[in-house]
PDB file of N, CA and C in Angstrom:
ATOM      1  N   MET A   1       1.027  -0.986   0.079  1.00  0.00           N
ATOM      2  CA  MET A   1      -0.050   0.083  -0.070  1.00  0.00           C
ATOM      3  C   MET A   1       0.858   1.238  -0.093  1.00  0.00           C
ATOM      4  N   SER A   2       0.803   2.080  -1.027  1.00  0.00           N
ATOM      5  CA  SER A   2       1.587   3.365  -1.030  1.00  0.00           C
ATOM      6  C   SER A   2       1.137   4.399  -0.094  1.00  0.00           C
ATOM      7  N   PHE A   3       1.912   5.431   0.067  1.00  0.00           N
ATOM      8  CA  PHE A   3       1.543   6.480   0.818  1.00  0.00           C
ATOM      9  C   PHE A   3       0.135   7.042   0.500  1.00  0.00           C
ATOM     10  N   LEU A   4      -0.005   7.284  -0.692  1.00  0.00           N
ATOM     11  CA  LEU A   4      -1.139   7.922  -1.186  1.00  0.00           C
ATOM     12  C   LEU A   4      -2.470   7.145  -0.897  1.00  0.00           C
ATOM     13  N   ASP A   5      -2.361   5.693  -0.999  1.00  0.00           N
ATOM     14  CA  ASP A   5      -3.636   5.086  -0.672  1.00  0.00           C
ATOM     15  C   ASP A   5      -3.765   4.886   0.938  1.00  0.00           C
ATOM     16  N   LYS A   6      -2.652   5.095   1.616  1.00  0.00           N
ATOM     17  CA  LYS A   6      -2.975   5.135   3.143  1.00  0.00           C
ATOM     18  C   LYS A   6      -3.565   6.472   3.309  1.00  0.00           C
ATOM     19  N   ALA A   7      -3.129   7.570   2.788  1.00  0.00           N
ATOM     20  CA  ALA A   7      -3.658   8.823   2.935  1.00  0.00           C
ATOM     21  C   ALA A   7      -5.173   9.083   2.757  1.00  0.00           C
ATOM     22  N   LYS A   8      -5.379   8.503   1.628  1.00  0.00           N
ATOM     23  CA  LYS A   8      -6.887   8.136   1.041  1.00  0.00           C
ATOM     24  C   LYS A   8      -7.668   7.406   2.006  1.00  0.00           C
ATOM     25  N   ASP A   9      -7.266   6.430   2.557  1.00  0.00           N
ATOM     26  CA  ASP A   9      -7.891   5.437   3.546  1.00  0.00           C
ATOM     27  C   ASP A   9      -8.219   6.113   4.712  1.00  0.00           C
ATOM     28  N   LEU A  10      -7.242   6.918   5.268  1.00  0.00           N
ATOM     29  CA  LEU A  10      -7.421   7.776   6.450  1.00  0.00           C
ATOM     30  C   LEU A  10      -8.271   9.027   6.272  1.00  0.00           C
ATOM     31  N   LEU A  11      -8.462   9.460   5.163  1.00  0.00           N
ATOM     32  CA  LEU A  11      -9.288  10.586   4.713  1.00  0.00           C
ATOM     33  C   LEU A  11     -10.731  10.025   4.764  1.00  0.00           C
ATOM     34  N   GLY A  12     -10.979   8.861   4.218  1.00  0.00           N
ATOM     35  CA  GLY A  12     -12.283   8.356   4.134  1.00  0.00           C
ATOM     36  C   GLY A  12     -12.858   7.770   5.615  1.00  0.00           C
ATOM     37  N   LYS A  13     -11.830   7.590   6.656  1.00  0.00           N
ATOM     38  CA  LYS A  13     -12.338   7.120   7.806  1.00  0.00           C
ATOM     39  C   LYS A  13     -12.621   8.593   8.692  1.00  0.00           C
ATOM     40  N   ASN A  14     -11.854   9.357   8.410  1.00  0.00           N
ATOM     41  CA  ASN A  14     -11.826  10.543   9.145  1.00  0.00           C
ATOM     42  C   ASN A  14     -12.304  12.100   8.611  1.00  0.00           C
ATOM     43  N   ALA A  15     -13.179  11.856   7.639  1.00  0.00           N
ATOM     44  CA  ALA A  15     -13.394  12.965   6.687  1.00  0.00           C
ATOM     45  C   ALA A  15     -14.252  13.885   7.582  1.00  0.00           C
ATOM     46  N   ASP A  16     -14.935  13.493   8.682  1.00  0.00           N
ATOM     47  CA  ASP A  16     -15.522  14.459   9.363  1.00  0.00           C
ATOM     48  C   ASP A  16     -14.553  15.359  10.178  1.00  0.00           C
ATOM     49  N   LYS A  17     -13.518  14.915  10.654  1.00  0.00           N
ATOM     50  CA  LYS A  17     -12.697  15.425  11.309  1.00  0.00           C
ATOM     51  C   LYS A  17     -11.802  16.300  10.524  1.00  0.00           C
ATOM     52  N   VAL A  18     -11.335  15.947   9.419  1.00  0.00           N
ATOM     53  CA  VAL A  18     -10.678  16.923   8.361  1.00  0.00           C
ATOM     54  C   VAL A  18     -11.623  18.074   8.067  1.00  0.00           C
ATOM     55  N   GLY A  19     -13.036  17.856   7.909  1.00  0.00           N
ATOM     56  CA  GLY A  19     -13.902  18.881   7.577  1.00  0.00           C
ATOM     57  C   GLY A  19     -13.972  20.005   8.684  1.00  0.00           C
ATOM     58  N   ASP A  20     -13.940  19.349   9.982  1.00  0.00           N
ATOM     59  CA  ASP A  20     -13.972  20.491  11.005  1.00  0.00           C
ATOM     60  C   ASP A  20     -12.729  21.132  11.165  1.00  0.00           C
ATOM     61  N   ALA A  21     -11.705  20.661  10.930  1.00  0.00           N
ATOM     62  CA  ALA A  21     -10.305  21.263  10.699  1.00  0.00           C
ATOM     63  C   ALA A  21     -10.348  22.513   9.684  1.00  0.00           C
ATOM     64  N   ILE A  22     -10.893  21.947   8.463  1.00  0.00           N
ATOM     65  CA  ILE A  22     -10.845  23.091   7.492  1.00  0.00           C
ATOM     66  C   ILE A  22     -11.858  24.342   7.885  1.00  0.00           C
ATOM     67  N   ASP A  23     -12.828  23.981   8.633  1.00  0.00           N
ATOM     68  CA  ASP A  23     -13.777  24.848   9.260  1.00  0.00           C
ATOM     69  C   ASP A  23     -12.988  26.076  10.205  1.00  0.00           C
ATOM     70  N   LYS A  24     -12.514  25.163  11.000  1.00  0.00           N
ATOM     71  CA  LYS A  24     -11.626  26.013  12.128  1.00  0.00           C
ATOM     72  C   LYS A  24     -10.400  26.962  11.527  1.00  0.00           C
ATOM     73  N   ALA A  25      -9.709  26.341  10.352  1.00  0.00           N
ATOM     74  CA  ALA A  25      -8.918  27.241   9.646  1.00  0.00           C
ATOM     75  C   ALA A  25      -9.339  28.300   9.187  1.00  0.00           C
ATOM     76  N   GLY A  26     -10.587  28.197   8.280  1.00  0.00           N
ATOM     77  CA  GLY A  26     -11.239  29.376   7.693  1.00  0.00           C
ATOM     78  C   GLY A  26     -11.860  30.257   8.586  1.00  0.00           C
ATOM     79  N   ASP A  27     -12.314  29.727   9.713  1.00  0.00           N
ATOM     80  CA  ASP A  27     -12.738  30.765  11.023  1.00  0.00           C
ATOM     81  C   ASP A  27     -11.559  31.483  11.576  1.00  0.00           C
ATOM     82  N   PHE A  28     -10.245  30.914  11.473  1.00  0.00           N
ATOM     83  CA  PHE A  28      -9.302  31.456  11.994  1.00  0.00           C
ATOM     84  C   PHE A  28      -8.690  32.719  11.059  1.00  0.00           C
ATOM     85  N   VAL A  29      -8.865  32.409   9.687  1.00  0.00           N
ATOM     86  CA  VAL A  29      -8.458  33.425   8.540  1.00  0.00           C
ATOM     87  C   VAL A  29      -9.455  34.536   8.670  1.00  0.00           C
ATOM     88  N   ASP A  30     -10.554  34.257   8.960  1.00  0.00           N
ATOM     89  CA  ASP A  30     -11.832  35.155   8.925  1.00  0.00           C
ATOM     90  C   ASP A  30     -11.534  36.220  10.153  1.00  0.00           C
ATOM     91  N   ASN A  31     -11.161  35.543  11.228  1.00  0.00           N
ATOM     92  CA  ASN A  31     -11.104  36.258  12.383  1.00  0.00           C
ATOM     93  C   ASN A  31      -9.766  37.194  12.276  1.00  0.00           C
ATOM     94  N   LYS A  32      -8.610  36.670  11.735  1.00  0.00           N
ATOM     95  CA  LYS A  32      -7.538  37.563  11.536  1.00  0.00           C
ATOM     96  C   LYS A  32      -7.552  38.739  10.481  1.00  0.00           C
ATOM     97  N   THR A  33      -8.628  38.394   9.563  1.00  0.00           N
ATOM     98  CA  THR A  33      -8.716  39.505   8.365  1.00  0.00           C
ATOM     99  C   THR A  33      -9.852  40.288   8.624  1.00  0.00           C
ATOM    100  N   GLY A  34     -10.705  40.209   9.834  1.00  0.00           N
ATOM    101  CA  GLY A  34     -11.907  40.794  10.033  1.00  0.00           C
ATOM    102  C   GLY A  34     -13.023  40.386   9.187  1.00  0.00           C
ATOM    103  N   GLY A  35     -12.813  39.312   8.464  1.00  0.00           N
ATOM    104  CA  GLY A  35     -13.931  38.946   7.640  1.00  0.00           C
ATOM    105  C   GLY A  35     -14.052  39.546   6.192  1.00  0.00           C
ATOM    106  N   LYS A  36     -12.976  40.276   5.923  1.00  0.00           N
ATOM    107  CA  LYS A  36     -12.621  41.088   4.801  1.00  0.00           C
ATOM    108  C   LYS A  36     -12.724  40.018   3.617  1.00  0.00           C
ATOM    109  N   TYR A  37     -12.399  38.743   3.786  1.00  0.00           N
ATOM    110  CA  TYR A  37     -12.209  37.828   2.741  1.00  0.00           C
ATOM    111  C   TYR A  37     -13.039  36.575   2.962  1.00  0.00           C
ATOM    112  N   ALA A  38     -14.133  36.927   3.627  1.00  0.00           N
ATOM    113  CA  ALA A  38     -14.992  35.903   3.762  1.00  0.00           C
ATOM    114  C   ALA A  38     -15.535  34.951   2.762  1.00  0.00           C
ATOM    115  N   GLN A  39     -15.827  35.712   1.662  1.00  0.00           N
ATOM    116  CA  GLN A  39     -16.446  35.010   0.552  1.00  0.00           C
ATOM    117  C   GLN A  39     -15.319  33.988  -0.211  1.00  0.00           C
ATOM    118  N   HIS A  40     -14.277  34.572  -0.112  1.00  0.00           N
ATOM    119  CA  HIS A  40     -13.095  33.750  -0.604  1.00  0.00           C
ATOM    120  C   HIS A  40     -12.815  32.540   0.329  1.00  0.00           C
ATOM    121  N   VAL A  41     -12.658  32.776   1.485  1.00  0.00           N
ATOM    122  CA  VAL A  41     -12.346  31.893   2.351  1.00  0.00           C
ATOM    123  C   VAL A  41     -13.546  30.910   2.514  1.00  0.00           C
ATOM    124  N   ASP A  42     -14.693  30.966   2.474  1.00  0.00           N
ATOM    125  CA  ASP A  42     -15.755  30.062   2.542  1.00  0.00           C
ATOM    126  C   ASP A  42     -15.841  29.319   1.036  1.00  0.00           C
ATOM    127  N   LYS A  43     -15.290  29.977  -0.130  1.00  0.00           N
ATOM    128  CA  LYS A  43     -15.118  29.275  -1.354  1.00  0.00           C
ATOM    129  C   LYS A  43     -13.918  28.131  -1.211  1.00  0.00           C
ATOM    130  N   ALA A  44     -12.855  28.620  -0.589  1.00  0.00           N
ATOM    131  CA  ALA A  44     -11.849  27.679  -0.333  1.00  0.00           C
ATOM    132  C   ALA A  44     -12.383  26.614   0.383  1.00  0.00           C
ATOM    133  N   GLN A  45     -12.817  26.725   1.557  1.00  0.00           N
ATOM    134  CA  GLN A  45     -13.317  25.798   2.348  1.00  0.00           C
ATOM    135  C   GLN A  45     -14.333  24.885   1.602  1.00  0.00           C
ATOM    136  N   ASP A  46     -15.106  25.274   0.889  1.00  0.00           N
ATOM    137  CA  ASP A  46     -15.875  24.358   0.031  1.00  0.00           C
ATOM    138  C   ASP A  46     -15.023  23.596  -0.852  1.00  0.00           C
ATOM    139  N   ALA A  47     -14.396  23.977  -1.426  1.00  0.00           N
ATOM    140  CA  ALA A  47     -13.347  23.264  -2.414  1.00  0.00           C
ATOM    141  C   ALA A  47     -12.427  22.228  -1.813  1.00  0.00           C
ATOM    142  N   ALA A  48     -12.011  22.614  -0.576  1.00  0.00           N
ATOM    143  CA  ALA A  48     -11.231  21.754   0.257  1.00  0.00           C
ATOM    144  C   ALA A  48     -12.042  20.642   0.654  1.00  0.00           C
ATOM    145  N   LYS A  49     -13.198  20.737   1.262  1.00  0.00           N
ATOM    146  CA  LYS A  49     -14.044  19.708   1.675  1.00  0.00           C
ATOM    147  C   LYS A  49     -14.438  18.769   0.381  1.00  0.00           C
ATOM    148  N   ASP A  50     -14.621  19.363  -0.773  1.00  0.00           N
ATOM    149  CA  ASP A  50     -15.099  18.595  -1.960  1.00  0.00           C
ATOM    150  C   ASP A  50     -14.037  17.854  -2.188  1.00  0.00           C
ATOM    151  N   ALA A  51     -12.816  18.210  -2.122  1.00  0.00           N
ATOM    152  CA  ALA A  51     -11.464  17.383  -2.424  1.00  0.00           C
ATOM    153  C   ALA A  51     -11.142  16.272  -1.429  1.00  0.00           C
ATOM    154  N   VAL A  52     -11.737  16.601  -0.182  1.00  0.00           N
ATOM    155  CA  VAL A  52     -11.407  15.619   0.841  1.00  0.00           C
ATOM    156  C   VAL A  52     -12.470  14.673   0.581  1.00  0.00           C
ATOM    157  N   GLY A  53     -13.740  14.938   0.245  1.00  0.00           N
ATOM    158  CA  GLY A  53     -14.632  13.986  -0.123  1.00  0.00           C
ATOM    159  C   GLY A  53     -14.237  13.204  -1.340  1.00  0.00           C
ATOM    160  N   LYS A  54     -13.841  13.655  -2.176  1.00  0.00           N
ATOM    161  CA  LYS A  54     -13.390  12.808  -3.311  1.00  0.00           C
ATOM    162  C   LYS A  54     -12.320  11.826  -3.156  1.00  0.00           C
ATOM    163  N   LEU A  55     -11.214  12.349  -2.431  1.00  0.00           N
ATOM    164  CA  LEU A  55     -10.082  11.621  -2.121  1.00  0.00           C
ATOM    165  C   LEU A  55     -10.630  10.385  -1.025  1.00  0.00           C
ATOM    166  N   GLY A  56     -11.380  10.688  -0.098  1.00  0.00           N
ATOM    167  CA  GLY A  56     -12.020   9.657   0.939  1.00  0.00           C
ATOM    168  C   GLY A  56     -12.787   8.778   0.135  1.00  0.00           C
ATOM    169  N   GLU A  57     -13.575   9.017  -0.761  1.00  0.00           N
ATOM    170  CA  GLU A  57     -14.354   8.078  -1.770  1.00  0.00           C
ATOM    171  C   GLU A  57     -13.444   7.242  -2.432  1.00  0.00           C
ATOM    172  N   GLN A  58     -12.341   7.688  -2.921  1.00  0.00           N
ATOM    173  CA  GLN A  58     -11.359   7.001  -3.824  1.00  0.00           C
ATOM    174  C   GLN A  58     -10.643   5.843  -2.669  1.00  0.00           C
ATOM    175  N   GLY A  59     -10.321   6.313  -1.525  1.00  0.00           N
ATOM    176  CA  GLY A  59      -9.783   5.506  -0.707  1.00  0.00           C
ATOM    177  C   GLY A  59     -10.537   4.284  -0.129  1.00  0.00           C
ATOM    178  N   THR A  60     -11.750   4.420  -0.149  1.00  0.00           N
ATOM    179  CA  THR A  60     -12.780   3.623   0.526  1.00  0.00           C
ATOM    180  C   THR A  60     -13.296   2.444  -0.625  1.00  0.00           C
ATOM    181  N   ASP A  61     -13.149   2.933  -1.716  1.00  0.00           N
ATOM    182  CA  ASP A  61     -13.673   1.965  -2.819  1.00  0.00           C
ATOM    183  C   ASP A  61     -12.619   1.186  -3.587  1.00  0.00           C
ATOM    184  N   PRO A  62     -12.571  -0.118  -3.258  1.00  0.00           N
ATOM    185  CA  PRO A  62     -11.314  -0.913  -4.052  1.00  0.00           C
ATOM    186  C   PRO A  62     -11.469  -0.946  -5.459  1.00  0.00           C
ATOM    187  N   ALA A  63     -12.535  -0.406  -6.123  1.00  0.00           N
ATOM    188  CA  ALA A  63     -12.663  -0.375  -7.550  1.00  0.00           C
ATOM    189  C   ALA A  63     -11.954   0.823  -8.071  1.00  0.00           C
ATOM    190  N   ASN A  64     -11.641   1.643  -7.228  1.00  0.00           N
ATOM    191  CA  ASN A  64     -10.854   2.945  -7.735  1.00  0.00           C
ATOM    192  C   ASN A  64      -9.395   2.956  -7.465  1.00  0.00           C
ATOM    193  N   LYS A  65      -8.835   1.783  -7.121  1.00  0.00           N
ATOM    194  CA  LYS A  65      -7.414   1.585  -6.962  1.00  0.00           C
ATOM    195  C   LYS A  65      -6.762   1.838  -8.303  1.00  0.00           C
ATOM    196  N   ASP A  66      -5.626   2.379  -8.202  1.00  0.00           N
ATOM    197  CA  ASP A  66      -4.852   2.766  -9.444  1.00  0.00           C
ATOM    198  C   ASP A  66      -4.150   1.242  -9.870  1.00  0.00           C
ATOM    199  N   THR A  67      -4.185   1.153 -11.130  1.00  0.00           N
ATOM    200  CA  THR A  67      -3.704  -0.002 -11.440  1.00  0.00           C
ATOM    201  C   THR A  67      -2.257   0.195 -12.274  1.00  0.00           C
ATOM    202  N   PRO A  68      -1.235  -0.464 -12.351  1.00  0.00           N
ATOM    203  CA  PRO A  68      -0.217  -0.052 -12.863  1.00  0.00           C
ATOM    204  C   PRO A  68      -0.222  -0.187 -14.597  1.00  0.00           C
ATOM    205  N   PRO A  69       0.343   0.624 -15.120  1.00  0.00           N
ATOM    206  CA  PRO A  69       0.182   0.533 -16.715  1.00  0.00           C
ATOM    207  C   PRO A  69       0.741  -0.916 -17.030  1.00  0.00           C
ATOM    208  N   ALA A  70       0.150  -1.589 -18.345  1.00  0.00           N
ATOM    209  CA  ALA A  70       0.571  -2.832 -18.765  1.00  0.00           C
ATOM    210  C   ALA A  70       1.779  -2.671 -19.514  1.00  0.00           C
TER     211      ALA A  70
END
């Protein structure tokens, strides 16, 4: 199992915790910038959560395993 496979597996098992961390990071940035970039931060949070969700799905579905080229 490669490093990426392990990471995908961990994301699949802990997606809720990663999502919480993304929310906290966004809240931190909003706090430090006085909410000046809230729209951009929210967009980045959504994109990060989508990426985590996709990676987590790949890690938990054996059909999505990368196969080496023939």
